[in-house]
Amino acid sequence: MPAPEPDDLPEPPAAATDLRARLVYVLGQVGVVVAGIFVYFRVRGLTEGSVDQAQDHAREIMRFEQVIGLDHESALQGLVITSGALETAANWVYIWGHWPVIVATMSWLVVAHRREFARLRDAMIVSGALGMAIFASYPVAPPRLAGLGFVDTVSNRSESYRVLQPPAFVNQYAAMPSLHAGWDLLVGMAIVSAASCLALKVVGVVMPALMALAVVATANHFIVDVVAGTALVLAGHAVALWLERRRERPRVAAP
């Protein structure tokens, strides 16, 4: 029996083609995100400002908070460090509620919810780029490094954070704005948008609020840093929505 000519070979099943296309898409997006994270950390590390300048800016922020009545960092940390359980909880939220949650959420979205994934990806890229510009032009020491009497609860209690964010990749004086809190807000918004069960939606609402409290209680950010981080990521989210509409416009016009 003669071998079939190339044109006579059976077409691959539609399911196999779809799986291959999905795998190519997922791997491509993983590459984009990993490259973006690497660039973010490298630029953030290379733009570290001087210690004296960063501490001066931290004191400026503290004085500004005192003027507007937002200087509640000492009270919040004092409440947490009086209880071992609360201090551990704040540390765990700060450490494990950021990058592990971001990675898990983006992995879920890229497989099952492409629209929300693209929106989250774009919002993080835009806000990250804006954040790096601020880190370079206005370095700010976190409360724990500003000489203001705050306790570094994370480093005192755990080494996990130094594993998740190696010191060589971290700018110690990039407290303003708080993308730690801001990106968790973006992730929470993506979860609420994509989730179909109430429990996950609740997680998406509660998690950013807990992170906003944790970054202050652990002396890693001032309250104003959290406010600035929130404003920055909402601007990034607005740009991501605009990009989403531009991507979807040709699909609407095609029929």
C-alpha atoms as a PDB file:
ATOM      1  CA  MET A   1       0.000   0.000   0.000  1.00  0.00           C
ATOM      2  CA  PRO A   2       1.587   3.334  -1.041  1.00  0.00           C
ATOM      3  CA  ALA A   3       2.417   5.862   1.661  1.00  0.00           C
ATOM      4  CA  PRO A   4      -0.042   8.732   1.826  1.00  0.00           C
ATOM      5  CA  GLU A   5       0.965  11.960   0.151  1.00  0.00           C
ATOM      6  CA  PRO A   6       1.373  14.986   2.461  1.00  0.00           C
ATOM      7  CA  ASP A   7      -1.975  16.394   1.306  1.00  0.00           C
ATOM      8  CA  ASP A   8      -3.661  13.111   2.198  1.00  0.00           C
ATOM      9  CA  LEU A   9      -2.468  13.093   5.816  1.00  0.00           C
ATOM     10  CA  PRO A  10      -5.287  13.492   8.337  1.00  0.00           C
ATOM     11  CA  GLU A  11      -5.693  16.859   9.991  1.00  0.00           C
ATOM     12  CA  PRO A  12      -4.826  16.941  13.703  1.00  0.00           C
ATOM     13  CA  PRO A  13      -7.881  16.878  15.941  1.00  0.00           C
ATOM     14  CA  ALA A  14      -9.323  20.289  16.759  1.00  0.00           C
ATOM     15  CA  ALA A  15      -8.770  19.649  20.466  1.00  0.00           C
ATOM     16  CA  ALA A  16      -5.067  19.003  19.895  1.00  0.00           C
ATOM     17  CA  THR A  17      -4.723  22.181  17.831  1.00  0.00           C
ATOM     18  CA  ASP A  18      -6.527  24.186  20.500  1.00  0.00           C
ATOM     19  CA  LEU A  19      -4.316  22.724  23.237  1.00  0.00           C
ATOM     20  CA  ARG A  20      -1.189  23.561  21.248  1.00  0.00           C
ATOM     21  CA  ALA A  21      -2.339  27.138  20.681  1.00  0.00           C
ATOM     22  CA  ARG A  22      -3.231  27.501  24.361  1.00  0.00           C
ATOM     23  CA  LEU A  23       0.184  26.171  25.396  1.00  0.00           C
ATOM     24  CA  VAL A  24       1.997  28.554  23.036  1.00  0.00           C
ATOM     25  CA  TYR A  25      -0.022  31.470  24.429  1.00  0.00           C
ATOM     26  CA  VAL A  26       0.617  30.509  28.059  1.00  0.00           C
ATOM     27  CA  LEU A  27       4.353  30.016  27.546  1.00  0.00           C
ATOM     28  CA  GLY A  28       4.605  33.297  25.652  1.00  0.00           C
ATOM     29  CA  GLN A  29       2.840  35.186  28.429  1.00  0.00           C
ATOM     30  CA  VAL A  30       4.976  33.523  31.090  1.00  0.00           C
ATOM     31  CA  GLY A  31       8.037  34.753  29.208  1.00  0.00           C
ATOM     32  CA  VAL A  32       6.660  38.308  29.061  1.00  0.00           C
ATOM     33  CA  VAL A  33       5.799  38.380  32.762  1.00  0.00           C
ATOM     34  CA  VAL A  34       9.104  36.851  33.889  1.00  0.00           C
ATOM     35  CA  ALA A  35      11.045  39.315  31.733  1.00  0.00           C
ATOM     36  CA  GLY A  36       9.005  42.198  33.134  1.00  0.00           C
ATOM     37  CA  ILE A  37       9.602  41.107  36.735  1.00  0.00           C
ATOM     38  CA  PHE A  38      13.331  40.697  36.100  1.00  0.00           C
ATOM     39  CA  VAL A  39      13.623  44.166  34.549  1.00  0.00           C
ATOM     40  CA  TYR A  40      11.557  45.651  37.383  1.00  0.00           C
ATOM     41  CA  PHE A  41      13.821  44.248  40.095  1.00  0.00           C
ATOM     42  CA  ARG A  42      17.055  45.020  38.258  1.00  0.00           C
ATOM     43  CA  VAL A  43      16.103  48.633  37.557  1.00  0.00           C
ATOM     44  CA  ARG A  44      14.711  49.021  41.058  1.00  0.00           C
ATOM     45  CA  GLY A  45      17.970  47.709  42.522  1.00  0.00           C
ATOM     46  CA  LEU A  46      20.201  49.824  40.278  1.00  0.00           C
ATOM     47  CA  THR A  47      18.328  53.078  41.048  1.00  0.00           C
ATOM     48  CA  GLU A  48      18.760  52.892  44.819  1.00  0.00           C
ATOM     49  CA  GLY A  49      19.192  56.398  46.195  1.00  0.00           C
ATOM     50  CA  SER A  50      21.516  57.606  48.929  1.00  0.00           C
ATOM     51  CA  VAL A  51      20.713  56.681  52.523  1.00  0.00           C
ATOM     52  CA  ASP A  52      20.740  60.279  53.780  1.00  0.00           C
ATOM     53  CA  GLN A  53      18.474  61.496  50.990  1.00  0.00           C
ATOM     54  CA  ALA A  54      16.051  58.608  51.463  1.00  0.00           C
ATOM     55  CA  GLN A  55      15.862  59.213  55.210  1.00  0.00           C
ATOM     56  CA  ASP A  56      15.305  62.946  54.679  1.00  0.00           C
ATOM     57  CA  HIS A  57      12.415  62.162  52.342  1.00  0.00           C
ATOM     58  CA  ALA A  58      10.977  59.744  54.904  1.00  0.00           C
ATOM     59  CA  ARG A  59      10.968  62.500  57.515  1.00  0.00           C
ATOM     60  CA  GLU A  60       9.310  64.824  55.009  1.00  0.00           C
ATOM     61  CA  ILE A  61       6.550  62.278  54.530  1.00  0.00           C
ATOM     62  CA  MET A  62       6.141  61.865  58.276  1.00  0.00           C
ATOM     63  CA  ARG A  63       5.833  65.632  58.740  1.00  0.00           C
ATOM     64  CA  PHE A  64       3.288  65.794  55.905  1.00  0.00           C
ATOM     65  CA  GLU A  65       1.248  63.040  57.542  1.00  0.00           C
ATOM     66  CA  GLN A  66       1.309  64.926  60.837  1.00  0.00           C
ATOM     67  CA  VAL A  67      -0.048  68.029  59.122  1.00  0.00           C
ATOM     68  CA  ILE A  68      -2.944  66.162  57.504  1.00  0.00           C
ATOM     69  CA  GLY A  69      -3.580  63.834  60.464  1.00  0.00           C
ATOM     70  CA  LEU A  70      -2.480  60.549  58.865  1.00  0.00           C
ATOM     71  CA  ASP A  71       0.487  59.747  61.147  1.00  0.00           C
ATOM     72  CA  HIS A  72      -0.949  56.530  62.646  1.00  0.00           C
ATOM     73  CA  GLU A  73       1.990  54.226  61.903  1.00  0.00           C
ATOM     74  CA  SER A  74       3.242  54.133  65.509  1.00  0.00           C
ATOM     75  CA  ALA A  75      -0.200  53.330  66.881  1.00  0.00           C
ATOM     76  CA  LEU A  76      -0.773  50.552  64.348  1.00  0.00           C
ATOM     77  CA  GLN A  77       2.612  48.940  64.894  1.00  0.00           C
ATOM     78  CA  GLY A  78       2.271  49.307  68.649  1.00  0.00           C
ATOM     79  CA  LEU A  79      -0.982  47.382  68.494  1.00  0.00           C
ATOM     80  CA  VAL A  80       0.609  44.579  66.463  1.00  0.00           C
ATOM     81  CA  ILE A  81       3.902  44.107  68.346  1.00  0.00           C
ATOM     82  CA  THR A  82       2.142  43.731  71.684  1.00  0.00           C
ATOM     83  CA  SER A  83       0.711  40.427  70.432  1.00  0.00           C
ATOM     84  CA  GLY A  84       2.904  37.647  69.064  1.00  0.00           C
ATOM     85  CA  ALA A  85      -0.046  36.258  67.115  1.00  0.00           C
ATOM     86  CA  LEU A  86      -0.849  39.604  65.467  1.00  0.00           C
ATOM     87  CA  GLU A  87       2.797  40.261  64.649  1.00  0.00           C
ATOM     88  CA  THR A  88       3.161  36.828  63.060  1.00  0.00           C
ATOM     89  CA  ALA A  89      -0.069  37.324  61.111  1.00  0.00           C
ATOM     90  CA  ALA A  90       1.099  40.713  59.797  1.00  0.00           C
ATOM     91  CA  ASN A  91       4.454  39.231  58.774  1.00  0.00           C
ATOM     92  CA  TRP A  92       2.807  36.305  57.013  1.00  0.00           C
ATOM     93  CA  VAL A  93       0.435  38.564  55.102  1.00  0.00           C
ATOM     94  CA  TYR A  94       3.347  40.770  54.037  1.00  0.00           C
ATOM     95  CA  ILE A  95       5.574  37.856  52.997  1.00  0.00           C
ATOM     96  CA  TRP A  96       3.195  35.258  51.574  1.00  0.00           C
ATOM     97  CA  GLY A  97       0.357  37.533  50.475  1.00  0.00           C
ATOM     98  CA  HIS A  98       2.350  39.263  47.768  1.00  0.00           C
ATOM     99  CA  TRP A  99       4.502  37.394  45.211  1.00  0.00           C
ATOM    100  CA  PRO A 100       3.096  33.912  45.918  1.00  0.00           C
ATOM    101  CA  VAL A 101      -0.440  35.284  45.508  1.00  0.00           C
ATOM    102  CA  ILE A 102       0.503  37.238  42.370  1.00  0.00           C
ATOM    103  CA  VAL A 103       2.087  34.158  40.766  1.00  0.00           C
ATOM    104  CA  ALA A 104      -0.826  31.878  41.694  1.00  0.00           C
ATOM    105  CA  THR A 105      -3.440  34.355  40.465  1.00  0.00           C
ATOM    106  CA  MET A 106      -1.692  35.082  37.171  1.00  0.00           C
ATOM    107  CA  SER A 107      -1.186  31.346  36.567  1.00  0.00           C
ATOM    108  CA  TRP A 108      -4.927  30.766  37.039  1.00  0.00           C
ATOM    109  CA  LEU A 109      -5.916  33.739  34.897  1.00  0.00           C
ATOM    110  CA  VAL A 110      -3.591  32.976  31.977  1.00  0.00           C
ATOM    111  CA  VAL A 111      -5.103  29.506  31.659  1.00  0.00           C
ATOM    112  CA  ALA A 112      -8.763  30.177  32.360  1.00  0.00           C
ATOM    113  CA  HIS A 113      -9.431  33.938  32.076  1.00  0.00           C
ATOM    114  CA  ARG A 114      -7.320  35.555  29.371  1.00  0.00           C
ATOM    115  CA  ARG A 115      -9.140  38.865  29.384  1.00  0.00           C
ATOM    116  CA  GLU A 116      -8.582  39.435  33.114  1.00  0.00           C
ATOM    117  CA  PHE A 117      -5.010  38.180  32.790  1.00  0.00           C
ATOM    118  CA  ALA A 118      -4.177  40.688  30.045  1.00  0.00           C
ATOM    119  CA  ARG A 119      -5.786  43.491  32.047  1.00  0.00           C
ATOM    120  CA  LEU A 120      -3.793  42.609  35.178  1.00  0.00           C
ATOM    121  CA  ARG A 121      -0.565  42.178  33.189  1.00  0.00           C
ATOM    122  CA  ASP A 122      -0.898  45.556  31.493  1.00  0.00           C
ATOM    123  CA  ALA A 123      -1.864  47.361  34.708  1.00  0.00           C
ATOM    124  CA  MET A 124       1.163  45.912  36.514  1.00  0.00           C
ATOM    125  CA  ILE A 125       3.532  46.838  33.680  1.00  0.00           C
ATOM    126  CA  VAL A 126       2.266  50.424  33.470  1.00  0.00           C
ATOM    127  CA  SER A 127       2.213  51.016  37.230  1.00  0.00           C
ATOM    128  CA  GLY A 128       5.585  49.296  37.612  1.00  0.00           C
ATOM    129  CA  ALA A 129       7.156  51.596  35.014  1.00  0.00           C
ATOM    130  CA  LEU A 130       5.692  54.680  36.712  1.00  0.00           C
ATOM    131  CA  GLY A 131       6.803  53.374  40.087  1.00  0.00           C
ATOM    132  CA  MET A 132      10.398  52.897  38.914  1.00  0.00           C
ATOM    133  CA  ALA A 133      10.507  56.517  37.743  1.00  0.00           C
ATOM    134  CA  ILE A 134       9.414  57.656  41.219  1.00  0.00           C
ATOM    135  CA  PHE A 135      11.855  55.305  42.982  1.00  0.00           C
ATOM    136  CA  ALA A 136      14.721  56.815  40.991  1.00  0.00           C
ATOM    137  CA  SER A 137      13.700  60.476  41.382  1.00  0.00           C
ATOM    138  CA  TYR A 138      12.393  60.421  44.968  1.00  0.00           C
ATOM    139  CA  PRO A 139      13.998  57.657  47.076  1.00  0.00           C
ATOM    140  CA  VAL A 140      12.242  57.128  50.395  1.00  0.00           C
ATOM    141  CA  ALA A 141      13.425  55.015  53.310  1.00  0.00           C
ATOM    142  CA  PRO A 142      10.758  52.748  54.792  1.00  0.00           C
ATOM    143  CA  PRO A 143       9.853  53.505  58.426  1.00  0.00           C
ATOM    144  CA  ARG A 144      12.036  50.604  59.619  1.00  0.00           C
ATOM    145  CA  LEU A 145      15.127  52.236  58.054  1.00  0.00           C
ATOM    146  CA  ALA A 146      14.293  55.896  58.660  1.00  0.00           C
ATOM    147  CA  GLY A 147      15.653  56.150  62.206  1.00  0.00           C
ATOM    148  CA  LEU A 148      12.206  56.969  63.582  1.00  0.00           C
ATOM    149  CA  GLY A 149      12.017  54.201  66.179  1.00  0.00           C
ATOM    150  CA  PHE A 150      10.030  51.624  64.197  1.00  0.00           C
ATOM    151  CA  VAL A 151      10.655  47.876  64.489  1.00  0.00           C
ATOM    152  CA  ASP A 152      11.505  45.737  61.449  1.00  0.00           C
ATOM    153  CA  THR A 153       9.174  42.891  62.399  1.00  0.00           C
ATOM    154  CA  VAL A 154       9.714  40.916  59.188  1.00  0.00           C
ATOM    155  CA  SER A 155      13.501  40.630  59.414  1.00  0.00           C
ATOM    156  CA  ASN A 156      13.412  40.088  63.179  1.00  0.00           C
ATOM    157  CA  ARG A 157      11.006  37.171  62.944  1.00  0.00           C
ATOM    158  CA  SER A 158      11.574  35.504  59.569  1.00  0.00           C
ATOM    159  CA  GLU A 159      14.111  34.863  56.814  1.00  0.00           C
ATOM    160  CA  SER A 160      11.433  33.880  54.265  1.00  0.00           C
ATOM    161  CA  TYR A 161      11.152  37.339  52.772  1.00  0.00           C
ATOM    162  CA  ARG A 162      14.877  37.468  51.977  1.00  0.00           C
ATOM    163  CA  VAL A 163      14.417  34.231  50.018  1.00  0.00           C
ATOM    164  CA  LEU A 164      11.463  35.592  48.048  1.00  0.00           C
ATOM    165  CA  GLN A 165      13.222  38.911  47.388  1.00  0.00           C
ATOM    166  CA  PRO A 166      17.035  38.474  47.452  1.00  0.00           C
ATOM    167  CA  PRO A 167      18.827  41.628  48.717  1.00  0.00           C
ATOM    168  CA  ALA A 168      20.773  41.962  45.448  1.00  0.00           C
ATOM    169  CA  PHE A 169      17.487  42.617  43.603  1.00  0.00           C
ATOM    170  CA  VAL A 170      15.863  44.901  46.154  1.00  0.00           C
ATOM    171  CA  ASN A 171      16.010  48.684  46.444  1.00  0.00           C
ATOM    172  CA  GLN A 172      15.795  49.293  50.188  1.00  0.00           C
ATOM    173  CA  TYR A 173      14.790  52.913  49.616  1.00  0.00           C
ATOM    174  CA  ALA A 174      11.776  52.474  47.343  1.00  0.00           C
ATOM    175  CA  ALA A 175       8.996  52.873  49.884  1.00  0.00           C
ATOM    176  CA  MET A 176       7.122  55.494  47.858  1.00  0.00           C
ATOM    177  CA  PRO A 177       4.774  54.417  46.333  1.00  0.00           C
ATOM    178  CA  SER A 178       3.827  51.076  47.865  1.00  0.00           C
ATOM    179  CA  LEU A 179       3.431  48.672  44.970  1.00  0.00           C
ATOM    180  CA  HIS A 180       3.368  45.908  47.574  1.00  0.00           C
ATOM    181  CA  ALA A 181      -0.085  47.181  48.531  1.00  0.00           C
ATOM    182  CA  GLY A 182      -0.967  48.510  45.081  1.00  0.00           C
ATOM    183  CA  TRP A 183      -0.303  45.322  43.124  1.00  0.00           C
ATOM    184  CA  ASP A 184      -2.262  43.316  45.673  1.00  0.00           C
ATOM    185  CA  LEU A 185      -5.164  45.658  44.949  1.00  0.00           C
ATOM    186  CA  LEU A 186      -4.851  44.914  41.218  1.00  0.00           C
ATOM    187  CA  VAL A 187      -4.754  41.172  41.942  1.00  0.00           C
ATOM    188  CA  GLY A 188      -7.818  41.470  44.175  1.00  0.00           C
ATOM    189  CA  MET A 189      -9.699  43.330  41.442  1.00  0.00           C
ATOM    190  CA  ALA A 190      -8.773  40.629  38.918  1.00  0.00           C
ATOM    191  CA  ILE A 191      -9.956  37.876  41.269  1.00  0.00           C
ATOM    192  CA  VAL A 192     -13.278  39.618  41.883  1.00  0.00           C
ATOM    193  CA  SER A 193     -13.752  40.105  38.127  1.00  0.00           C
ATOM    194  CA  ALA A 194     -12.881  36.531  37.140  1.00  0.00           C
ATOM    195  CA  ALA A 195     -14.165  34.449  40.055  1.00  0.00           C
ATOM    196  CA  SER A 196     -17.525  32.737  39.862  1.00  0.00           C
ATOM    197  CA  CYS A 197     -17.768  31.660  43.506  1.00  0.00           C
ATOM    198  CA  LEU A 198     -18.466  33.984  46.419  1.00  0.00           C
ATOM    199  CA  ALA A 199     -15.545  32.709  48.533  1.00  0.00           C
ATOM    200  CA  LEU A 200     -12.973  33.758  45.927  1.00  0.00           C
ATOM    201  CA  LYS A 201     -14.621  37.143  45.495  1.00  0.00           C
ATOM    202  CA  VAL A 202     -14.375  37.675  49.261  1.00  0.00           C
ATOM    203  CA  VAL A 203     -10.672  36.806  49.091  1.00  0.00           C
ATOM    204  CA  GLY A 204     -10.267  39.377  46.329  1.00  0.00           C
ATOM    205  CA  VAL A 205     -11.840  42.064  48.515  1.00  0.00           C
ATOM    206  CA  VAL A 206     -10.223  41.200  51.869  1.00  0.00           C
ATOM    207  CA  MET A 207      -6.678  40.433  50.730  1.00  0.00           C
ATOM    208  CA  PRO A 208      -5.745  43.980  49.522  1.00  0.00           C
ATOM    209  CA  ALA A 209      -7.127  45.484  52.745  1.00  0.00           C
ATOM    210  CA  LEU A 210      -5.057  43.103  54.879  1.00  0.00           C
ATOM    211  CA  MET A 211      -1.951  43.892  52.832  1.00  0.00           C
ATOM    212  CA  ALA A 212      -2.485  47.644  53.222  1.00  0.00           C
ATOM    213  CA  LEU A 213      -2.564  47.156  57.009  1.00  0.00           C
ATOM    214  CA  ALA A 214       0.375  44.724  57.002  1.00  0.00           C
ATOM    215  CA  VAL A 215       2.804  46.949  55.083  1.00  0.00           C
ATOM    216  CA  VAL A 216       2.276  49.696  57.669  1.00  0.00           C
ATOM    217  CA  ALA A 217       2.229  47.445  60.745  1.00  0.00           C
ATOM    218  CA  THR A 218       5.516  45.796  59.715  1.00  0.00           C
ATOM    219  CA  ALA A 219       7.139  49.255  59.236  1.00  0.00           C
ATOM    220  CA  ASN A 220       7.758  48.735  55.530  1.00  0.00           C
ATOM    221  CA  HIS A 221       5.629  51.652  54.333  1.00  0.00           C
ATOM    222  CA  PHE A 222       4.074  54.878  55.516  1.00  0.00           C
ATOM    223  CA  ILE A 223       0.321  55.315  55.129  1.00  0.00           C
ATOM    224  CA  VAL A 224       0.926  57.929  52.422  1.00  0.00           C
ATOM    225  CA  ASP A 225       2.967  55.323  50.514  1.00  0.00           C
ATOM    226  CA  VAL A 226      -0.106  53.073  50.462  1.00  0.00           C
ATOM    227  CA  VAL A 227      -2.326  55.930  49.279  1.00  0.00           C
ATOM    228  CA  ALA A 228       0.165  56.786  46.520  1.00  0.00           C
ATOM    229  CA  GLY A 229       0.486  53.124  45.509  1.00  0.00           C
ATOM    230  CA  THR A 230      -3.283  52.817  45.273  1.00  0.00           C
ATOM    231  CA  ALA A 231      -3.563  55.913  43.087  1.00  0.00           C
ATOM    232  CA  LEU A 232      -0.722  54.696  40.860  1.00  0.00           C
ATOM    233  CA  VAL A 233      -2.169  51.239  40.203  1.00  0.00           C
ATOM    234  CA  LEU A 234      -5.622  52.675  39.537  1.00  0.00           C
ATOM    235  CA  ALA A 235      -3.997  54.856  36.860  1.00  0.00           C
ATOM    236  CA  GLY A 236      -2.317  51.727  35.490  1.00  0.00           C
ATOM    237  CA  HIS A 237      -5.656  49.923  35.548  1.00  0.00           C
ATOM    238  CA  ALA A 238      -7.268  52.755  33.582  1.00  0.00           C
ATOM    239  CA  VAL A 239      -4.547  52.436  30.918  1.00  0.00           C
ATOM    240  CA  ALA A 240      -5.041  48.649  30.875  1.00  0.00           C
ATOM    241  CA  LEU A 241      -8.786  49.109  30.255  1.00  0.00           C
ATOM    242  CA  TRP A 242      -8.013  51.492  27.395  1.00  0.00           C
ATOM    243  CA  LEU A 243      -5.627  48.946  25.865  1.00  0.00           C
ATOM    244  CA  GLU A 244      -8.276  46.245  26.302  1.00  0.00           C
ATOM    245  CA  ARG A 245     -10.832  48.309  24.385  1.00  0.00           C
ATOM    246  CA  ARG A 246      -8.312  48.889  21.584  1.00  0.00           C
ATOM    247  CA  ARG A 247      -7.627  45.135  21.339  1.00  0.00           C
ATOM    248  CA  GLU A 248     -11.325  44.301  21.203  1.00  0.00           C
ATOM    249  CA  ARG A 249     -12.306  46.993  18.687  1.00  0.00           C
ATOM    250  CA  PRO A 250     -11.210  45.032  15.569  1.00  0.00           C
ATOM    251  CA  ARG A 251     -13.184  41.999  16.759  1.00  0.00           C
ATOM    252  CA  VAL A 252     -16.338  44.079  16.982  1.00  0.00           C
ATOM    253  CA  ALA A 253     -15.787  45.637  13.551  1.00  0.00           C
ATOM    254  CA  ALA A 254     -14.907  42.355  11.829  1.00  0.00           C
ATOM    255  CA  PRO A 255     -18.478  41.023  11.242  1.00  0.00           C
END
